[in-house]
Amino acid sequence: MRYLLIPALLAVLLSSAAFADTTYAPGANGGEARGASQYTAGNWIPGGAIDGWDFVPAPATGPVVFDVQGDVTIWEKDLWNASQFYFHFGDTSATPSVSVEIDGTVESNSPVNVQVYTTPGCDIKVLKNGAATMPLLWEYWDSGTSSWATMNYHGADINRVVAYPSYLPAGLNLCKLQATATASATQAAGHYVLDPIVACVPAILD
């Protein structure tokens, strides 16, 4: 049996077979001949009652039957043109807000959304400096409305927000993410941090 895989960056298999192959590394192409060996023996008998192959009895064997299958893995590639949202507040007396955006591309053979999340139990919408906190607003660029749209929590998960909840279509998509930090007038001085990651999640898994 021949087996075919298309390049993949995300190790998720879509297969109509009763099993999925696990011998290939994510992103690897491969093919193999597998399945039980088959043997055919017979004599060609022209005309008469048979007029074709007369397969040898005890046990009789018929023509070799080949089965052809292929799996295509869901793959995804994303490129972001920066890796840090940095905010500096030199004077918080006016309760300022500072916004930073990072643009990039997301490409996949499956509809996906973009999620930003951090460790379980940690609020993705808060920057922390010890006990001091600073609100953080996450937004994504909605090309349909040509405006920024708020990323909402993923259900009850306060550690995760979702961009493009209606899913980016398969293919190459231009994306923009924006974070806005808002300091209070008497915001405590110090270094505030949050360490999230970005995940592109196929519609089938969300």
C-alpha atoms as a PDB file:
ATOM      1  CA  MET A   1       0.000   0.000   0.000  1.00  0.00           C
ATOM      2  CA  ARG A   2       1.416   3.377  -0.905  1.00  0.00           C
ATOM      3  CA  TYR A   3       1.209   6.193   1.624  1.00  0.00           C
ATOM      4  CA  LEU A   4       1.655   9.900   0.969  1.00  0.00           C
ATOM      5  CA  LEU A   5       2.172  12.873   3.278  1.00  0.00           C
ATOM      6  CA  ILE A   6       2.249  16.555   2.257  1.00  0.00           C
ATOM      7  CA  PRO A   7       4.643  19.009   4.127  1.00  0.00           C
ATOM      8  CA  ALA A   8       3.348  19.731   7.630  1.00  0.00           C
ATOM      9  CA  LEU A   9       4.268  22.022  10.493  1.00  0.00           C
ATOM     10  CA  LEU A  10       1.407  20.973  12.683  1.00  0.00           C
ATOM     11  CA  ALA A  11       1.268  17.277  13.559  1.00  0.00           C
ATOM     12  CA  VAL A  12      -2.423  16.660  13.041  1.00  0.00           C
ATOM     13  CA  LEU A  13      -3.577  14.063  10.531  1.00  0.00           C
ATOM     14  CA  LEU A  14      -6.836  14.041   8.631  1.00  0.00           C
ATOM     15  CA  SER A  15      -7.418  10.495   7.486  1.00  0.00           C
ATOM     16  CA  SER A  16     -10.364   8.544   6.156  1.00  0.00           C
ATOM     17  CA  ALA A  17      -8.588   5.318   6.996  1.00  0.00           C
ATOM     18  CA  ALA A  18      -9.137   3.365  10.175  1.00  0.00           C
ATOM     19  CA  PHE A  19      -5.684   4.358  11.378  1.00  0.00           C
ATOM     20  CA  ALA A  20      -3.200   7.216  10.978  1.00  0.00           C
ATOM     21  CA  ASP A  21       0.458   6.735  10.210  1.00  0.00           C
ATOM     22  CA  THR A  22       2.829   7.854  12.952  1.00  0.00           C
ATOM     23  CA  THR A  23       6.166   6.909  11.426  1.00  0.00           C
ATOM     24  CA  TYR A  24       6.886  10.280   9.825  1.00  0.00           C
ATOM     25  CA  ALA A  25       8.221  13.308  11.654  1.00  0.00           C
ATOM     26  CA  PRO A  26       6.036  16.433  11.525  1.00  0.00           C
ATOM     27  CA  GLY A  27       6.700  18.292   8.310  1.00  0.00           C
ATOM     28  CA  ALA A  28       8.218  15.280   6.543  1.00  0.00           C
ATOM     29  CA  ASN A  29       7.072  13.790   3.262  1.00  0.00           C
ATOM     30  CA  GLY A  30       7.155  10.056   2.863  1.00  0.00           C
ATOM     31  CA  GLY A  31       5.833   7.061   1.024  1.00  0.00           C
ATOM     32  CA  GLU A  32       5.974   3.359   1.564  1.00  0.00           C
ATOM     33  CA  ALA A  33       4.753   0.043   0.182  1.00  0.00           C
ATOM     34  CA  ARG A  34       3.061  -1.907   2.933  1.00  0.00           C
ATOM     35  CA  GLY A  35       0.372  -4.461   3.618  1.00  0.00           C
ATOM     36  CA  ALA A  36       0.353  -8.241   3.232  1.00  0.00           C
ATOM     37  CA  SER A  37       2.192  -9.874   0.343  1.00  0.00           C
ATOM     38  CA  GLN A  38       0.025 -11.315  -2.409  1.00  0.00           C
ATOM     39  CA  TYR A  39       0.536 -14.280  -4.739  1.00  0.00           C
ATOM     40  CA  THR A  40      -1.365 -15.112  -7.897  1.00  0.00           C
ATOM     41  CA  ALA A  41      -1.081 -18.331  -9.927  1.00  0.00           C
ATOM     42  CA  GLY A  42      -3.125 -19.371 -12.925  1.00  0.00           C
ATOM     43  CA  ASN A  43      -3.305 -20.564 -16.497  1.00  0.00           C
ATOM     44  CA  TRP A  44      -4.733 -18.672 -19.443  1.00  0.00           C
ATOM     45  CA  ILE A  45      -7.541 -20.721 -21.010  1.00  0.00           C
ATOM     46  CA  PRO A  46      -8.810 -19.159 -24.214  1.00  0.00           C
ATOM     47  CA  GLY A  47     -12.366 -19.847 -25.367  1.00  0.00           C
ATOM     48  CA  GLY A  48     -14.719 -22.383 -23.831  1.00  0.00           C
ATOM     49  CA  ALA A  49     -16.342 -21.959 -20.431  1.00  0.00           C
ATOM     50  CA  ILE A  50     -13.456 -19.984 -18.956  1.00  0.00           C
ATOM     51  CA  ASP A  51     -11.968 -17.841 -21.748  1.00  0.00           C
ATOM     52  CA  GLY A  52      -9.511 -16.184 -19.374  1.00  0.00           C
ATOM     53  CA  TRP A  53      -7.406 -16.957 -16.367  1.00  0.00           C
ATOM     54  CA  ASP A  54      -8.033 -20.250 -14.660  1.00  0.00           C
ATOM     55  CA  PHE A  55      -6.593 -19.664 -11.187  1.00  0.00           C
ATOM     56  CA  VAL A  56      -4.968 -22.640  -9.583  1.00  0.00           C
ATOM     57  CA  PRO A  57      -7.242 -24.359  -7.003  1.00  0.00           C
ATOM     58  CA  ALA A  58      -6.433 -25.392  -3.412  1.00  0.00           C
ATOM     59  CA  PRO A  59      -6.447 -22.602  -2.570  1.00  0.00           C
ATOM     60  CA  ALA A  60      -7.602 -20.627  -5.591  1.00  0.00           C
ATOM     61  CA  THR A  61      -6.077 -17.138  -5.882  1.00  0.00           C
ATOM     62  CA  GLY A  62      -7.500 -14.258  -7.830  1.00  0.00           C
ATOM     63  CA  PRO A  63      -5.950 -11.099  -9.256  1.00  0.00           C
ATOM     64  CA  VAL A  64      -3.728  -8.971  -7.015  1.00  0.00           C
ATOM     65  CA  VAL A  65      -5.726  -6.166  -5.390  1.00  0.00           C
ATOM     66  CA  PHE A  66      -3.897  -2.925  -4.601  1.00  0.00           C
ATOM     67  CA  ASP A  67      -5.177  -0.351  -2.131  1.00  0.00           C
ATOM     68  CA  VAL A  68      -4.052   3.266  -2.533  1.00  0.00           C
ATOM     69  CA  GLN A  69      -4.423   5.772   0.301  1.00  0.00           C
ATOM     70  CA  GLY A  70      -2.967   9.153   1.242  1.00  0.00           C
ATOM     71  CA  ASP A  71      -3.117  11.474   4.236  1.00  0.00           C
ATOM     72  CA  VAL A  72      -2.615  15.226   4.150  1.00  0.00           C
ATOM     73  CA  THR A  73      -1.493  16.802   7.401  1.00  0.00           C
ATOM     74  CA  ILE A  74      -2.809  20.150   8.541  1.00  0.00           C
ATOM     75  CA  TRP A  75       0.138  22.529   8.225  1.00  0.00           C
ATOM     76  CA  GLU A  76       0.640  26.130   9.288  1.00  0.00           C
ATOM     77  CA  LYS A  77       3.333  28.786   8.951  1.00  0.00           C
ATOM     78  CA  ASP A  78       3.263  32.122  10.762  1.00  0.00           C
ATOM     79  CA  LEU A  79       5.752  34.980  10.575  1.00  0.00           C
ATOM     80  CA  TRP A  80       5.726  37.961  12.944  1.00  0.00           C
ATOM     81  CA  ASN A  81       7.938  40.953  12.233  1.00  0.00           C
ATOM     82  CA  ALA A  82       8.751  41.606  15.902  1.00  0.00           C
ATOM     83  CA  SER A  83       8.709  39.565  19.095  1.00  0.00           C
ATOM     84  CA  GLN A  84       8.203  42.050  21.942  1.00  0.00           C
ATOM     85  CA  PHE A  85       5.542  44.578  22.861  1.00  0.00           C
ATOM     86  CA  TYR A  86       7.454  47.179  24.871  1.00  0.00           C
ATOM     87  CA  PHE A  87       5.896  50.073  26.802  1.00  0.00           C
ATOM     88  CA  HIS A  88       7.613  52.961  28.549  1.00  0.00           C
ATOM     89  CA  PHE A  89       5.822  55.431  30.795  1.00  0.00           C
ATOM     90  CA  GLY A  90       7.859  58.503  31.680  1.00  0.00           C
ATOM     91  CA  ASP A  91       4.965  60.419  33.245  1.00  0.00           C
ATOM     92  CA  THR A  92       1.813  58.633  34.342  1.00  0.00           C
ATOM     93  CA  SER A  93       0.148  61.701  35.868  1.00  0.00           C
ATOM     94  CA  ALA A  94      -2.128  62.041  32.834  1.00  0.00           C
ATOM     95  CA  THR A  95      -3.117  58.327  33.035  1.00  0.00           C
ATOM     96  CA  PRO A  96      -1.809  57.605  29.551  1.00  0.00           C
ATOM     97  CA  SER A  97      -2.362  54.588  27.358  1.00  0.00           C
ATOM     98  CA  VAL A  98       0.333  53.344  25.022  1.00  0.00           C
ATOM     99  CA  SER A  99      -0.341  51.011  22.085  1.00  0.00           C
ATOM    100  CA  VAL A 100       2.094  48.802  20.184  1.00  0.00           C
ATOM    101  CA  GLU A 101       1.268  46.731  17.113  1.00  0.00           C
ATOM    102  CA  ILE A 102       3.081  43.807  15.488  1.00  0.00           C
ATOM    103  CA  ASP A 103       2.206  42.660  11.984  1.00  0.00           C
ATOM    104  CA  GLY A 104       2.848  39.387  10.239  1.00  0.00           C
ATOM    105  CA  THR A 105       1.441  36.628   8.078  1.00  0.00           C
ATOM    106  CA  VAL A 106      -0.356  33.371   8.789  1.00  0.00           C
ATOM    107  CA  GLU A 107      -0.479  30.682   6.108  1.00  0.00           C
ATOM    108  CA  SER A 108      -2.208  27.316   6.345  1.00  0.00           C
ATOM    109  CA  ASN A 109      -4.083  24.705   4.340  1.00  0.00           C
ATOM    110  CA  SER A 110      -6.851  24.830   6.956  1.00  0.00           C
ATOM    111  CA  PRO A 111      -8.958  27.655   8.421  1.00  0.00           C
ATOM    112  CA  VAL A 112      -7.316  28.857  11.656  1.00  0.00           C
ATOM    113  CA  ASN A 113      -7.633  31.495  14.312  1.00  0.00           C
ATOM    114  CA  VAL A 114      -4.873  33.240  16.209  1.00  0.00           C
ATOM    115  CA  GLN A 115      -4.764  32.856  19.981  1.00  0.00           C
ATOM    116  CA  VAL A 116      -2.519  34.585  22.486  1.00  0.00           C
ATOM    117  CA  TYR A 117      -2.128  32.812  25.795  1.00  0.00           C
ATOM    118  CA  THR A 118       0.026  32.394  28.861  1.00  0.00           C
ATOM    119  CA  THR A 119       0.291  29.950  31.746  1.00  0.00           C
ATOM    120  CA  PRO A 120      -2.969  28.571  33.232  1.00  0.00           C
ATOM    121  CA  GLY A 121      -4.453  30.797  35.920  1.00  0.00           C
ATOM    122  CA  CYS A 122      -2.522  33.874  34.764  1.00  0.00           C
ATOM    123  CA  ASP A 123      -4.643  36.745  33.434  1.00  0.00           C
ATOM    124  CA  ILE A 124      -3.525  37.483  29.863  1.00  0.00           C
ATOM    125  CA  LYS A 125      -4.961  41.014  30.180  1.00  0.00           C
ATOM    126  CA  VAL A 126      -2.686  42.106  33.037  1.00  0.00           C
ATOM    127  CA  LEU A 127       0.968  43.163  33.266  1.00  0.00           C
ATOM    128  CA  LYS A 128       2.531  42.500  36.685  1.00  0.00           C
ATOM    129  CA  ASN A 129       5.324  43.921  38.798  1.00  0.00           C
ATOM    130  CA  GLY A 130       5.116  41.970  42.030  1.00  0.00           C
ATOM    131  CA  ALA A 131       1.748  42.897  43.526  1.00  0.00           C
ATOM    132  CA  ALA A 132       1.363  45.908  41.215  1.00  0.00           C
ATOM    133  CA  THR A 133      -0.658  45.404  38.037  1.00  0.00           C
ATOM    134  CA  MET A 134      -1.393  47.284  34.817  1.00  0.00           C
ATOM    135  CA  PRO A 135      -4.324  46.558  32.464  1.00  0.00           C
ATOM    136  CA  LEU A 136      -3.470  45.225  29.013  1.00  0.00           C
ATOM    137  CA  LEU A 137      -5.907  45.335  26.101  1.00  0.00           C
ATOM    138  CA  TRP A 138      -5.414  42.899  23.206  1.00  0.00           C
ATOM    139  CA  GLU A 139      -6.787  43.719  19.742  1.00  0.00           C
ATOM    140  CA  TYR A 140      -6.516  42.431  16.184  1.00  0.00           C
ATOM    141  CA  TRP A 141      -6.913  44.261  12.897  1.00  0.00           C
ATOM    142  CA  ASP A 142     -10.247  43.475  11.278  1.00  0.00           C
ATOM    143  CA  SER A 143      -9.810  44.062   7.553  1.00  0.00           C
ATOM    144  CA  GLY A 144     -13.562  43.735   7.052  1.00  0.00           C
ATOM    145  CA  THR A 145     -14.292  46.820   9.160  1.00  0.00           C
ATOM    146  CA  SER A 146     -10.838  48.444   8.756  1.00  0.00           C
ATOM    147  CA  SER A 147     -10.607  48.862  12.502  1.00  0.00           C
ATOM    148  CA  TRP A 148      -9.167  47.264  15.618  1.00  0.00           C
ATOM    149  CA  ALA A 149     -11.336  44.616  17.262  1.00  0.00           C
ATOM    150  CA  THR A 150     -11.013  43.473  20.863  1.00  0.00           C
ATOM    151  CA  MET A 151      -9.692  39.977  21.532  1.00  0.00           C
ATOM    152  CA  ASN A 152     -11.975  38.273  24.021  1.00  0.00           C
ATOM    153  CA  TYR A 153     -11.178  35.529  26.489  1.00  0.00           C
ATOM    154  CA  HIS A 154     -11.426  31.991  25.142  1.00  0.00           C
ATOM    155  CA  GLY A 155     -14.516  30.895  27.052  1.00  0.00           C
ATOM    156  CA  ALA A 156     -13.697  30.756  30.755  1.00  0.00           C
ATOM    157  CA  ASP A 157      -9.935  30.777  30.125  1.00  0.00           C
ATOM    158  CA  ILE A 158      -8.579  34.066  31.482  1.00  0.00           C
ATOM    159  CA  ASN A 159      -5.116  33.056  30.284  1.00  0.00           C
ATOM    160  CA  ARG A 160      -6.158  33.094  26.598  1.00  0.00           C
ATOM    161  CA  VAL A 161      -7.613  35.591  24.120  1.00  0.00           C
ATOM    162  CA  VAL A 162      -8.710  34.922  20.548  1.00  0.00           C
ATOM    163  CA  ALA A 163      -8.111  36.940  17.391  1.00  0.00           C
ATOM    164  CA  TYR A 164      -9.987  36.284  14.167  1.00  0.00           C
ATOM    165  CA  PRO A 165     -12.705  34.194  15.889  1.00  0.00           C
ATOM    166  CA  SER A 166     -14.469  33.705  12.547  1.00  0.00           C
ATOM    167  CA  TYR A 167     -11.238  31.983  11.392  1.00  0.00           C
ATOM    168  CA  LEU A 168      -8.690  33.050   8.843  1.00  0.00           C
ATOM    169  CA  PRO A 169      -9.333  31.200   5.574  1.00  0.00           C
ATOM    170  CA  ALA A 170      -6.890  28.670   4.163  1.00  0.00           C
ATOM    171  CA  GLY A 171      -4.081  30.377   2.274  1.00  0.00           C
ATOM    172  CA  LEU A 172      -1.888  33.391   3.060  1.00  0.00           C
ATOM    173  CA  ASN A 173      -3.334  36.016   5.425  1.00  0.00           C
ATOM    174  CA  LEU A 174      -1.920  39.369   6.506  1.00  0.00           C
ATOM    175  CA  CYS A 175      -2.359  39.874  10.264  1.00  0.00           C
ATOM    176  CA  LYS A 176      -1.879  42.601  12.841  1.00  0.00           C
ATOM    177  CA  LEU A 177      -1.979  42.280  16.619  1.00  0.00           C
ATOM    178  CA  GLN A 178      -2.049  45.231  18.989  1.00  0.00           C
ATOM    179  CA  ALA A 179      -1.524  45.491  22.749  1.00  0.00           C
ATOM    180  CA  THR A 180      -2.399  48.606  24.767  1.00  0.00           C
ATOM    181  CA  ALA A 181      -1.114  49.166  28.294  1.00  0.00           C
ATOM    182  CA  THR A 182      -2.839  51.744  30.477  1.00  0.00           C
ATOM    183  CA  ALA A 183      -1.038  53.157  33.515  1.00  0.00           C
ATOM    184  CA  SER A 184      -2.856  54.826  36.395  1.00  0.00           C
ATOM    185  CA  ALA A 185      -1.883  58.356  37.448  1.00  0.00           C
ATOM    186  CA  THR A 186       0.100  56.930  40.375  1.00  0.00           C
ATOM    187  CA  GLN A 187       1.255  53.708  38.782  1.00  0.00           C
ATOM    188  CA  ALA A 188       4.002  52.115  40.876  1.00  0.00           C
ATOM    189  CA  ALA A 189       7.414  52.352  39.270  1.00  0.00           C
ATOM    190  CA  GLY A 190       9.062  49.133  38.221  1.00  0.00           C
ATOM    191  CA  HIS A 191       9.404  46.541  35.497  1.00  0.00           C
ATOM    192  CA  TYR A 192       6.087  44.959  34.471  1.00  0.00           C
ATOM    193  CA  VAL A 193       6.037  41.657  32.611  1.00  0.00           C
ATOM    194  CA  LEU A 194       3.866  39.103  30.843  1.00  0.00           C
ATOM    195  CA  ASP A 195       5.197  36.184  28.804  1.00  0.00           C
ATOM    196  CA  PRO A 196       2.512  35.038  26.357  1.00  0.00           C
ATOM    197  CA  ILE A 197       2.835  32.923  23.232  1.00  0.00           C
ATOM    198  CA  VAL A 198       0.937  33.037  19.950  1.00  0.00           C
ATOM    199  CA  ALA A 199      -0.745  29.890  18.662  1.00  0.00           C
ATOM    200  CA  CYS A 200      -2.524  29.406  15.344  1.00  0.00           C
ATOM    201  CA  VAL A 201      -5.293  26.910  16.014  1.00  0.00           C
ATOM    202  CA  PRO A 202      -7.014  24.949  13.213  1.00  0.00           C
ATOM    203  CA  ALA A 203     -10.788  25.172  13.201  1.00  0.00           C
ATOM    204  CA  ILE A 204     -11.021  21.393  13.649  1.00  0.00           C
ATOM    205  CA  LEU A 205      -9.241  21.628  17.028  1.00  0.00           C
ATOM    206  CA  ASP A 206     -10.808  24.786  18.451  1.00  0.00           C
END
